[in-house]
C-alpha cells in the first residue's frame, strides 16, 4: 500500500529545544496551577498542626511539602536534560514517517513501528512543526519542510480530519 504522506524529520538539538519551548508554553500554566493548589493545601495542613501544637505531624508535613516541591521543580529539569543528552538528539536521529489512511509508521535506524491514529493523545501545529503527542509528555516531531510525499497544507487537512477535537493549529 502506498502512503498518503511521507516525511523525513531529523531530531536535532534545535528541534528538541523547540519542542520543549512549545510544550512549556502549552502546559506550564496547568503545571504551576496544580503545584500552587497543593502547596496551599500543604501550608494549610501545616498551619493547623502548628496551631493545635502537634509539632511532629507539622514537621512530617513540612518534609513532605519540601519533597513535593523538589519533585515538581527538579524532576522536569532532569527529565528534559536526560532526553536532550540521549543519542537520538545528540546524534541527530532521522525518523521517516509514513502516513496511511488508518495508521502511520515510524522508521529509523533503531527499527520501526506502526501506530493507529486513535492512540494519539493530541496533535498540534506551530509555524515549523506538527507535534503528535503519545501522552501528555512525549511527542513525535514532524518538520513541515520534511515532506517527501504530500505537503504541509494537505497534511494539516488530513490531520484535522483524523483528530477532529484533538488537533490545535496555528
N, C-alpha and C. Protein backbone atom coordinates (compact mmCIF):
# COMPACT_ATOMS: atom_id res chain seq x y z
N UNK A 1 0.84 -1.18 0.00
CA UNK A 1 0.00 0.00 0.00
C UNK A 1 0.89 1.24 0.00
N UNK A 2 0.55 2.18 -0.81
CA UNK A 2 1.31 3.42 -0.96
C UNK A 2 0.88 4.43 0.12
N UNK A 3 1.83 5.07 0.79
CA UNK A 3 1.45 6.04 1.83
C UNK A 3 0.83 7.30 1.23
N UNK A 4 -0.06 7.93 2.00
CA UNK A 4 -0.65 9.20 1.59
C UNK A 4 0.36 10.34 1.76
N UNK A 5 1.16 10.24 2.84
CA UNK A 5 2.18 11.23 3.14
C UNK A 5 3.43 10.52 3.62
N UNK A 6 4.57 11.12 3.27
CA UNK A 6 5.85 10.62 3.77
C UNK A 6 6.65 11.84 4.22
N UNK A 7 7.29 11.72 5.38
CA UNK A 7 8.04 12.83 5.93
C UNK A 7 9.35 12.33 6.50
N UNK A 8 10.38 13.12 6.29
CA UNK A 8 11.70 12.84 6.87
C UNK A 8 12.01 13.98 7.84
N UNK A 9 12.17 13.62 9.12
CA UNK A 9 12.49 14.61 10.15
C UNK A 9 13.73 14.17 10.91
N UNK A 10 14.69 15.07 11.00
CA UNK A 10 15.90 14.81 11.77
C UNK A 10 15.71 15.41 13.16
N UNK A 11 15.85 14.58 14.18
CA UNK A 11 15.69 15.05 15.55
C UNK A 11 16.99 15.71 15.98
N UNK A 12 17.07 17.01 15.77
CA UNK A 12 18.27 17.77 16.11
C UNK A 12 18.09 18.44 17.46
N UNK A 13 19.15 19.03 17.95
CA UNK A 13 19.09 19.77 19.22
C UNK A 13 18.10 20.93 19.10
N UNK A 14 18.12 21.61 17.97
CA UNK A 14 17.21 22.73 17.76
C UNK A 14 15.76 22.27 17.78
N UNK A 15 15.47 21.16 17.08
CA UNK A 15 14.10 20.64 17.07
C UNK A 15 13.63 20.28 18.47
N UNK A 16 14.51 19.66 19.24
CA UNK A 16 14.14 19.26 20.59
C UNK A 16 13.91 20.48 21.48
N UNK A 17 14.76 21.48 21.36
CA UNK A 17 14.58 22.71 22.15
C UNK A 17 13.28 23.39 21.76
N UNK A 18 12.97 23.42 20.47
CA UNK A 18 11.70 24.00 20.02
C UNK A 18 10.51 23.23 20.61
N UNK A 19 10.61 21.91 20.66
CA UNK A 19 9.54 21.11 21.26
C UNK A 19 9.38 21.43 22.74
N UNK A 20 10.48 21.52 23.46
CA UNK A 20 10.41 21.83 24.90
C UNK A 20 9.77 23.19 25.12
N UNK A 21 10.17 24.19 24.33
CA UNK A 21 9.58 25.52 24.46
C UNK A 21 8.08 25.49 24.14
N UNK A 22 7.70 24.79 23.10
CA UNK A 22 6.30 24.67 22.72
C UNK A 22 5.51 23.98 23.83
N UNK A 23 6.06 22.90 24.34
CA UNK A 23 5.39 22.13 25.40
C UNK A 23 5.21 22.99 26.65
N UNK A 24 6.24 23.73 27.02
CA UNK A 24 6.13 24.59 28.20
C UNK A 24 5.09 25.69 27.99
N UNK A 25 5.07 26.25 26.81
CA UNK A 25 4.09 27.30 26.51
C UNK A 25 2.67 26.77 26.62
N UNK A 26 2.46 25.56 26.17
CA UNK A 26 1.11 24.96 26.20
C UNK A 26 0.70 24.47 27.58
N UNK A 27 1.66 23.97 28.37
CA UNK A 27 1.29 23.25 29.59
C UNK A 27 1.76 23.85 30.91
N UNK A 28 2.62 24.85 30.89
CA UNK A 28 3.17 25.35 32.16
C UNK A 28 2.11 25.90 33.09
N UNK A 29 1.11 26.58 32.57
CA UNK A 29 0.10 27.17 33.47
C UNK A 29 -0.63 26.09 34.25
N UNK A 30 -0.93 24.95 33.61
CA UNK A 30 -1.60 23.85 34.31
C UNK A 30 -0.68 23.28 35.38
N UNK A 31 0.57 23.11 35.04
CA UNK A 31 1.55 22.54 35.96
C UNK A 31 1.71 23.42 37.19
N UNK A 32 1.85 24.72 36.98
CA UNK A 32 2.04 25.63 38.10
C UNK A 32 0.75 25.81 38.91
N UNK A 33 -0.40 25.76 38.26
CA UNK A 33 -1.66 25.83 38.99
C UNK A 33 -1.82 24.63 39.92
N UNK A 34 -1.56 23.46 39.42
CA UNK A 34 -1.61 22.24 40.22
C UNK A 34 -0.64 22.32 41.39
N UNK A 35 0.57 22.78 41.13
CA UNK A 35 1.58 22.93 42.19
C UNK A 35 1.12 23.95 43.23
N UNK A 36 0.55 25.06 42.80
CA UNK A 36 0.08 26.09 43.73
C UNK A 36 -1.05 25.58 44.61
N UNK A 37 -2.00 24.87 44.03
CA UNK A 37 -3.13 24.34 44.80
C UNK A 37 -2.63 23.39 45.88
N UNK A 38 -1.76 22.47 45.51
CA UNK A 38 -1.24 21.53 46.51
C UNK A 38 -0.34 22.22 47.53
N UNK A 39 0.36 23.25 47.14
CA UNK A 39 1.18 24.00 48.09
C UNK A 39 0.31 24.68 49.13
N UNK A 40 -0.78 25.28 48.68
CA UNK A 40 -1.72 25.92 49.62
C UNK A 40 -2.29 24.90 50.59
N UNK A 41 -2.66 23.72 50.06
CA UNK A 41 -3.18 22.67 50.94
C UNK A 41 -2.13 22.21 51.96
N UNK A 42 -0.91 22.05 51.53
CA UNK A 42 0.16 21.67 52.45
C UNK A 42 0.34 22.74 53.54
N UNK A 43 0.41 23.99 53.13
CA UNK A 43 0.61 25.08 54.08
C UNK A 43 -0.55 25.15 55.08
N UNK A 44 -1.76 24.97 54.58
CA UNK A 44 -2.92 24.97 55.47
C UNK A 44 -2.81 23.83 56.49
N UNK A 45 -2.49 22.64 56.03
CA UNK A 45 -2.38 21.49 56.94
C UNK A 45 -1.26 21.69 57.97
N UNK A 46 -0.14 22.24 57.53
CA UNK A 46 0.97 22.51 58.45
C UNK A 46 0.54 23.55 59.49
N UNK A 47 -0.16 24.60 59.04
CA UNK A 47 -0.64 25.64 59.95
C UNK A 47 -1.59 25.09 61.00
N UNK A 48 -2.50 24.23 60.59
CA UNK A 48 -3.45 23.62 61.53
C UNK A 48 -2.70 22.78 62.56
N UNK A 49 -1.71 22.05 62.12
CA UNK A 49 -0.95 21.22 63.05
C UNK A 49 -0.19 22.09 64.06
N UNK A 50 0.41 23.16 63.59
CA UNK A 50 1.14 24.06 64.50
C UNK A 50 0.18 24.77 65.45
N UNK A 51 -0.97 25.22 64.95
CA UNK A 51 -1.96 25.90 65.80
C UNK A 51 -2.46 24.98 66.91
N UNK A 52 -2.55 23.70 66.63
CA UNK A 52 -3.00 22.73 67.64
C UNK A 52 -1.84 22.12 68.43
N UNK A 53 -0.66 22.68 68.22
CA UNK A 53 0.56 22.26 68.94
C UNK A 53 0.92 20.79 68.69
N UNK A 54 0.65 20.32 67.47
CA UNK A 54 1.08 18.99 67.05
C UNK A 54 2.31 19.18 66.16
N UNK A 55 3.46 19.28 66.80
CA UNK A 55 4.67 19.66 66.08
C UNK A 55 5.26 18.53 65.24
N UNK A 56 5.19 17.30 65.70
CA UNK A 56 5.73 16.18 64.92
C UNK A 56 5.00 16.02 63.59
N UNK A 57 3.63 15.98 63.58
CA UNK A 57 2.94 15.92 62.28
C UNK A 57 3.25 17.14 61.39
N UNK A 58 3.44 18.31 62.03
CA UNK A 58 3.77 19.51 61.25
C UNK A 58 5.12 19.35 60.58
N UNK A 59 6.09 18.79 61.30
CA UNK A 59 7.42 18.57 60.73
C UNK A 59 7.35 17.55 59.59
N UNK A 60 6.58 16.49 59.80
CA UNK A 60 6.43 15.47 58.76
C UNK A 60 5.76 16.07 57.53
N UNK A 61 4.71 16.86 57.73
CA UNK A 61 4.04 17.51 56.60
C UNK A 61 4.98 18.49 55.89
N UNK A 62 5.78 19.21 56.66
CA UNK A 62 6.74 20.14 56.07
C UNK A 62 7.75 19.39 55.20
N UNK A 63 8.24 18.25 55.69
CA UNK A 63 9.19 17.45 54.91
C UNK A 63 8.53 16.92 53.64
N UNK A 64 7.27 16.50 53.76
CA UNK A 64 6.52 16.05 52.57
C UNK A 64 6.33 17.20 51.58
N UNK A 65 6.03 18.37 52.11
CA UNK A 65 5.86 19.56 51.27
C UNK A 65 7.16 19.90 50.54
N UNK A 66 8.26 19.85 51.26
CA UNK A 66 9.58 20.10 50.66
C UNK A 66 9.88 19.08 49.57
N UNK A 67 9.60 17.80 49.83
CA UNK A 67 9.82 16.75 48.84
C UNK A 67 8.93 16.97 47.61
N UNK A 68 7.68 17.35 47.84
CA UNK A 68 6.75 17.64 46.75
C UNK A 68 7.29 18.75 45.86
N UNK A 69 7.73 19.87 46.48
CA UNK A 69 8.26 20.99 45.69
C UNK A 69 9.54 20.59 44.95
N UNK A 70 10.39 19.84 45.61
CA UNK A 70 11.62 19.39 44.95
C UNK A 70 11.29 18.54 43.74
N UNK A 71 10.34 17.63 43.90
CA UNK A 71 9.93 16.77 42.79
C UNK A 71 9.33 17.60 41.66
N UNK A 72 8.47 18.53 41.98
CA UNK A 72 7.78 19.31 40.96
C UNK A 72 8.72 20.21 40.16
N UNK A 73 9.79 20.69 40.77
CA UNK A 73 10.66 21.63 40.08
C UNK A 73 11.96 21.00 39.56
N UNK A 74 12.42 19.97 40.21
CA UNK A 74 13.69 19.36 39.79
C UNK A 74 13.47 18.24 38.77
N UNK A 75 12.44 17.44 38.95
CA UNK A 75 12.18 16.30 38.06
C UNK A 75 12.04 16.70 36.58
N UNK A 76 11.26 17.74 36.24
CA UNK A 76 11.17 18.11 34.82
C UNK A 76 12.51 18.53 34.23
N UNK A 77 13.32 19.20 35.03
CA UNK A 77 14.65 19.62 34.56
C UNK A 77 15.50 18.40 34.20
N UNK A 78 15.56 17.42 35.09
CA UNK A 78 16.38 16.23 34.83
C UNK A 78 15.81 15.38 33.71
N UNK A 79 14.50 15.32 33.61
CA UNK A 79 13.87 14.57 32.53
C UNK A 79 14.23 15.17 31.17
N UNK A 80 14.13 16.49 31.08
CA UNK A 80 14.47 17.19 29.84
C UNK A 80 15.96 17.07 29.53
N UNK A 81 16.78 17.22 30.56
CA UNK A 81 18.23 17.11 30.38
C UNK A 81 18.62 15.71 29.89
N UNK A 82 18.02 14.68 30.47
CA UNK A 82 18.31 13.29 30.08
C UNK A 82 17.92 13.05 28.62
N UNK A 83 16.75 13.54 28.25
CA UNK A 83 16.28 13.37 26.86
C UNK A 83 17.18 14.14 25.90
N UNK A 84 17.59 15.34 26.29
CA UNK A 84 18.45 16.16 25.44
C UNK A 84 19.80 15.49 25.22
N UNK A 85 20.31 14.80 26.24
CA UNK A 85 21.61 14.14 26.14
C UNK A 85 21.53 12.74 25.54
N UNK A 86 20.32 12.29 25.20
CA UNK A 86 20.19 10.96 24.63
C UNK A 86 20.80 10.91 23.23
N UNK A 87 21.12 9.71 22.78
CA UNK A 87 21.72 9.53 21.46
C UNK A 87 20.82 10.02 20.34
N UNK A 88 19.51 9.86 20.51
CA UNK A 88 18.61 10.25 19.41
C UNK A 88 18.67 11.75 19.13
N UNK A 89 18.91 12.56 20.17
CA UNK A 89 19.05 14.00 19.96
C UNK A 89 20.49 14.36 19.61
N UNK A 90 21.43 13.84 20.36
CA UNK A 90 22.83 14.19 20.15
C UNK A 90 23.37 13.72 18.81
N UNK A 91 22.87 12.59 18.33
CA UNK A 91 23.37 12.05 17.06
C UNK A 91 22.40 12.28 15.90
N UNK A 92 21.46 13.20 16.10
CA UNK A 92 20.54 13.60 15.03
C UNK A 92 19.82 12.41 14.38
N UNK A 93 19.06 11.69 15.19
CA UNK A 93 18.29 10.55 14.69
C UNK A 93 17.33 11.00 13.59
N UNK A 94 17.32 10.26 12.49
CA UNK A 94 16.43 10.58 11.37
C UNK A 94 15.23 9.65 11.44
N UNK A 95 14.04 10.23 11.54
CA UNK A 95 12.79 9.48 11.52
C UNK A 95 12.10 9.66 10.17
N UNK A 96 11.61 8.55 9.64
CA UNK A 96 10.77 8.58 8.45
C UNK A 96 9.36 8.24 8.89
N UNK A 97 8.43 9.11 8.56
CA UNK A 97 7.02 8.91 8.90
C UNK A 97 6.26 8.58 7.63
N UNK A 98 5.49 7.51 7.69
CA UNK A 98 4.65 7.08 6.58
C UNK A 98 3.20 7.12 7.07
N UNK A 99 2.39 7.97 6.47
CA UNK A 99 1.01 8.13 6.91
C UNK A 99 0.07 7.44 5.92
N UNK A 100 -0.73 6.53 6.46
CA UNK A 100 -1.73 5.80 5.69
C UNK A 100 -3.11 6.22 6.18
N UNK A 101 -4.12 5.62 5.60
CA UNK A 101 -5.49 6.01 5.93
C UNK A 101 -5.83 5.73 7.40
N UNK A 102 -5.46 4.59 7.93
CA UNK A 102 -5.88 4.18 9.28
C UNK A 102 -4.76 4.21 10.33
N UNK A 103 -3.53 4.37 9.91
CA UNK A 103 -2.40 4.31 10.84
C UNK A 103 -1.20 5.02 10.22
N UNK A 104 -0.15 5.16 11.01
CA UNK A 104 1.11 5.65 10.47
C UNK A 104 2.25 4.80 11.00
N UNK A 105 3.36 4.83 10.25
CA UNK A 105 4.56 4.08 10.63
C UNK A 105 5.70 5.07 10.86
N UNK A 106 6.54 4.71 11.81
CA UNK A 106 7.75 5.48 12.08
C UNK A 106 8.91 4.53 11.89
N UNK A 107 9.87 4.93 11.06
CA UNK A 107 11.06 4.11 10.82
C UNK A 107 12.30 4.94 11.09
N UNK A 108 13.27 4.30 11.75
CA UNK A 108 14.58 4.91 11.95
C UNK A 108 15.60 3.79 12.09
N UNK A 109 16.85 4.12 12.38
CA UNK A 109 17.89 3.09 12.43
C UNK A 109 17.69 2.11 13.58
N UNK A 110 16.86 2.45 14.55
CA UNK A 110 16.60 1.55 15.69
C UNK A 110 15.46 0.58 15.41
N UNK A 111 14.73 0.78 14.32
CA UNK A 111 13.63 -0.11 13.98
C UNK A 111 12.44 0.66 13.45
N UNK A 112 11.29 0.02 13.49
CA UNK A 112 10.06 0.67 13.03
C UNK A 112 8.88 0.15 13.83
N UNK A 113 7.83 0.94 13.84
CA UNK A 113 6.59 0.50 14.46
C UNK A 113 5.41 1.22 13.82
N UNK A 114 4.26 0.64 14.04
CA UNK A 114 3.01 1.14 13.47
C UNK A 114 2.13 1.62 14.61
N UNK A 115 1.44 2.73 14.40
CA UNK A 115 0.57 3.29 15.42
C UNK A 115 -0.73 3.74 14.79
N UNK A 116 -1.83 3.34 15.37
CA UNK A 116 -3.15 3.77 14.89
C UNK A 116 -3.44 5.18 15.38
N UNK A 117 -4.18 5.94 14.60
CA UNK A 117 -4.42 7.35 14.91
C UNK A 117 -5.19 7.54 16.21
N UNK A 118 -6.07 6.65 16.55
CA UNK A 118 -6.87 6.84 17.76
C UNK A 118 -6.02 6.77 19.03
N UNK A 119 -4.79 6.28 18.93
CA UNK A 119 -3.90 6.21 20.09
C UNK A 119 -3.15 7.52 20.35
N UNK A 120 -3.30 8.48 19.45
CA UNK A 120 -2.65 9.77 19.63
C UNK A 120 -3.45 10.59 20.64
N UNK A 121 -2.74 11.14 21.61
CA UNK A 121 -3.34 11.91 22.69
C UNK A 121 -3.79 13.29 22.19
N UNK A 122 -2.92 14.00 21.50
CA UNK A 122 -3.21 15.32 20.95
C UNK A 122 -2.30 15.57 19.75
N UNK A 123 -2.73 16.48 18.89
CA UNK A 123 -1.91 16.90 17.76
C UNK A 123 -1.90 18.42 17.73
N UNK A 124 -0.72 18.99 17.53
CA UNK A 124 -0.57 20.44 17.48
C UNK A 124 0.22 20.83 16.24
N UNK A 125 0.03 22.07 15.88
CA UNK A 125 0.80 22.64 14.78
C UNK A 125 1.30 24.01 15.22
N UNK A 126 2.55 24.30 14.88
CA UNK A 126 3.05 25.67 15.02
C UNK A 126 3.68 26.07 13.69
N UNK A 127 4.45 27.11 13.69
CA UNK A 127 4.96 27.62 12.41
C UNK A 127 5.91 26.68 11.68
N UNK A 128 6.63 25.80 12.41
CA UNK A 128 7.62 24.93 11.76
C UNK A 128 7.35 23.43 11.86
N UNK A 129 6.49 23.03 12.79
CA UNK A 129 6.34 21.61 13.08
C UNK A 129 4.88 21.21 13.30
N UNK A 130 4.66 19.92 13.17
CA UNK A 130 3.48 19.26 13.68
C UNK A 130 3.98 18.40 14.84
N UNK A 131 3.24 18.38 15.93
CA UNK A 131 3.59 17.54 17.08
C UNK A 131 2.45 16.56 17.31
N UNK A 132 2.76 15.28 17.28
CA UNK A 132 1.78 14.24 17.58
C UNK A 132 2.13 13.66 18.95
N UNK A 133 1.35 14.01 19.95
CA UNK A 133 1.61 13.60 21.32
C UNK A 133 1.08 12.19 21.57
N UNK A 134 1.95 11.34 22.12
CA UNK A 134 1.54 9.99 22.53
C UNK A 134 0.84 10.03 23.89
N UNK A 135 1.27 10.93 24.73
CA UNK A 135 0.65 11.18 26.03
C UNK A 135 0.94 12.64 26.36
N UNK A 136 0.73 13.05 27.60
CA UNK A 136 0.90 14.47 27.89
C UNK A 136 2.36 14.94 27.87
N UNK A 137 3.32 14.02 27.80
CA UNK A 137 4.73 14.40 27.83
C UNK A 137 5.53 14.09 26.58
N UNK A 138 5.19 13.05 25.86
CA UNK A 138 6.02 12.59 24.73
C UNK A 138 5.33 12.83 23.40
N UNK A 139 6.12 13.34 22.44
CA UNK A 139 5.56 13.69 21.14
C UNK A 139 6.50 13.32 20.01
N UNK A 140 5.89 13.07 18.85
CA UNK A 140 6.65 12.94 17.61
C UNK A 140 6.76 14.33 17.02
N UNK A 141 7.95 14.66 16.53
CA UNK A 141 8.18 15.94 15.87
C UNK A 141 8.17 15.69 14.37
N UNK A 142 7.33 16.42 13.66
CA UNK A 142 7.24 16.29 12.20
C UNK A 142 7.52 17.66 11.61
N UNK A 143 8.65 17.77 10.93
CA UNK A 143 9.03 19.04 10.32
C UNK A 143 8.15 19.31 9.10
N UNK A 144 7.67 20.53 9.01
CA UNK A 144 6.84 20.91 7.86
C UNK A 144 7.65 20.90 6.57
N UNK A 145 8.93 21.18 6.67
CA UNK A 145 9.77 21.23 5.47
C UNK A 145 10.25 19.84 5.04
N UNK A 146 9.88 18.79 5.78
CA UNK A 146 10.41 17.46 5.51
C UNK A 146 9.53 16.55 4.68
N UNK A 147 8.47 17.07 4.07
CA UNK A 147 7.56 16.20 3.33
C UNK A 147 8.16 15.76 2.00
N UNK A 148 8.16 14.45 1.81
CA UNK A 148 8.65 13.84 0.57
C UNK A 148 7.47 13.52 -0.34
N UNK A 149 6.39 13.01 0.28
CA UNK A 149 5.12 12.79 -0.42
C UNK A 149 4.09 13.68 0.26
N UNK A 150 3.40 14.48 -0.51
CA UNK A 150 2.43 15.42 0.04
C UNK A 150 3.11 16.70 0.48
N UNK A 151 2.32 17.60 1.05
CA UNK A 151 2.87 18.86 1.56
C UNK A 151 2.20 19.21 2.88
N UNK A 152 2.69 20.25 3.51
CA UNK A 152 2.22 20.61 4.85
C UNK A 152 0.74 21.00 4.87
N UNK A 153 0.25 21.65 3.83
CA UNK A 153 -1.16 22.07 3.80
C UNK A 153 -2.10 20.88 3.66
N UNK A 154 -1.76 19.96 2.77
CA UNK A 154 -2.56 18.74 2.63
C UNK A 154 -2.50 17.90 3.91
N UNK A 155 -1.33 17.85 4.52
CA UNK A 155 -1.16 17.09 5.74
C UNK A 155 -1.99 17.69 6.88
N UNK A 156 -2.01 19.01 6.98
CA UNK A 156 -2.82 19.69 8.00
C UNK A 156 -4.28 19.29 7.86
N UNK A 157 -4.79 19.30 6.64
CA UNK A 157 -6.19 18.90 6.41
C UNK A 157 -6.41 17.44 6.78
N UNK A 158 -5.46 16.60 6.45
CA UNK A 158 -5.54 15.18 6.78
C UNK A 158 -5.57 14.97 8.30
N UNK A 159 -4.67 15.65 8.99
CA UNK A 159 -4.58 15.53 10.45
C UNK A 159 -5.86 16.06 11.10
N UNK A 160 -6.37 17.17 10.61
CA UNK A 160 -7.63 17.72 11.15
C UNK A 160 -8.75 16.70 11.01
N UNK A 161 -8.80 16.01 9.89
CA UNK A 161 -9.87 15.03 9.69
C UNK A 161 -9.69 13.81 10.59
N UNK A 162 -8.47 13.45 10.91
CA UNK A 162 -8.20 12.28 11.76
C UNK A 162 -8.39 12.59 13.24
N UNK A 163 -8.06 13.80 13.66
CA UNK A 163 -8.04 14.10 15.09
C UNK A 163 -9.15 15.04 15.55
N UNK A 164 -9.92 15.57 14.66
CA UNK A 164 -11.04 16.45 14.97
C UNK A 164 -10.81 17.34 16.18
N UNK A 165 -11.24 16.92 17.37
CA UNK A 165 -11.15 17.75 18.57
C UNK A 165 -9.80 17.66 19.25
N UNK A 166 -8.93 16.78 18.79
CA UNK A 166 -7.60 16.63 19.39
C UNK A 166 -6.55 17.49 18.69
N UNK A 167 -6.91 18.18 17.62
CA UNK A 167 -5.95 18.95 16.85
C UNK A 167 -6.10 20.43 17.15
N UNK A 168 -4.95 21.09 17.36
CA UNK A 168 -4.94 22.53 17.54
C UNK A 168 -3.87 23.10 16.63
N UNK A 169 -4.30 23.93 15.69
CA UNK A 169 -3.37 24.51 14.73
C UNK A 169 -2.95 25.91 15.13
N UNK A 170 -2.33 26.60 14.18
CA UNK A 170 -1.83 27.97 14.43
C UNK A 170 -2.94 28.88 14.88
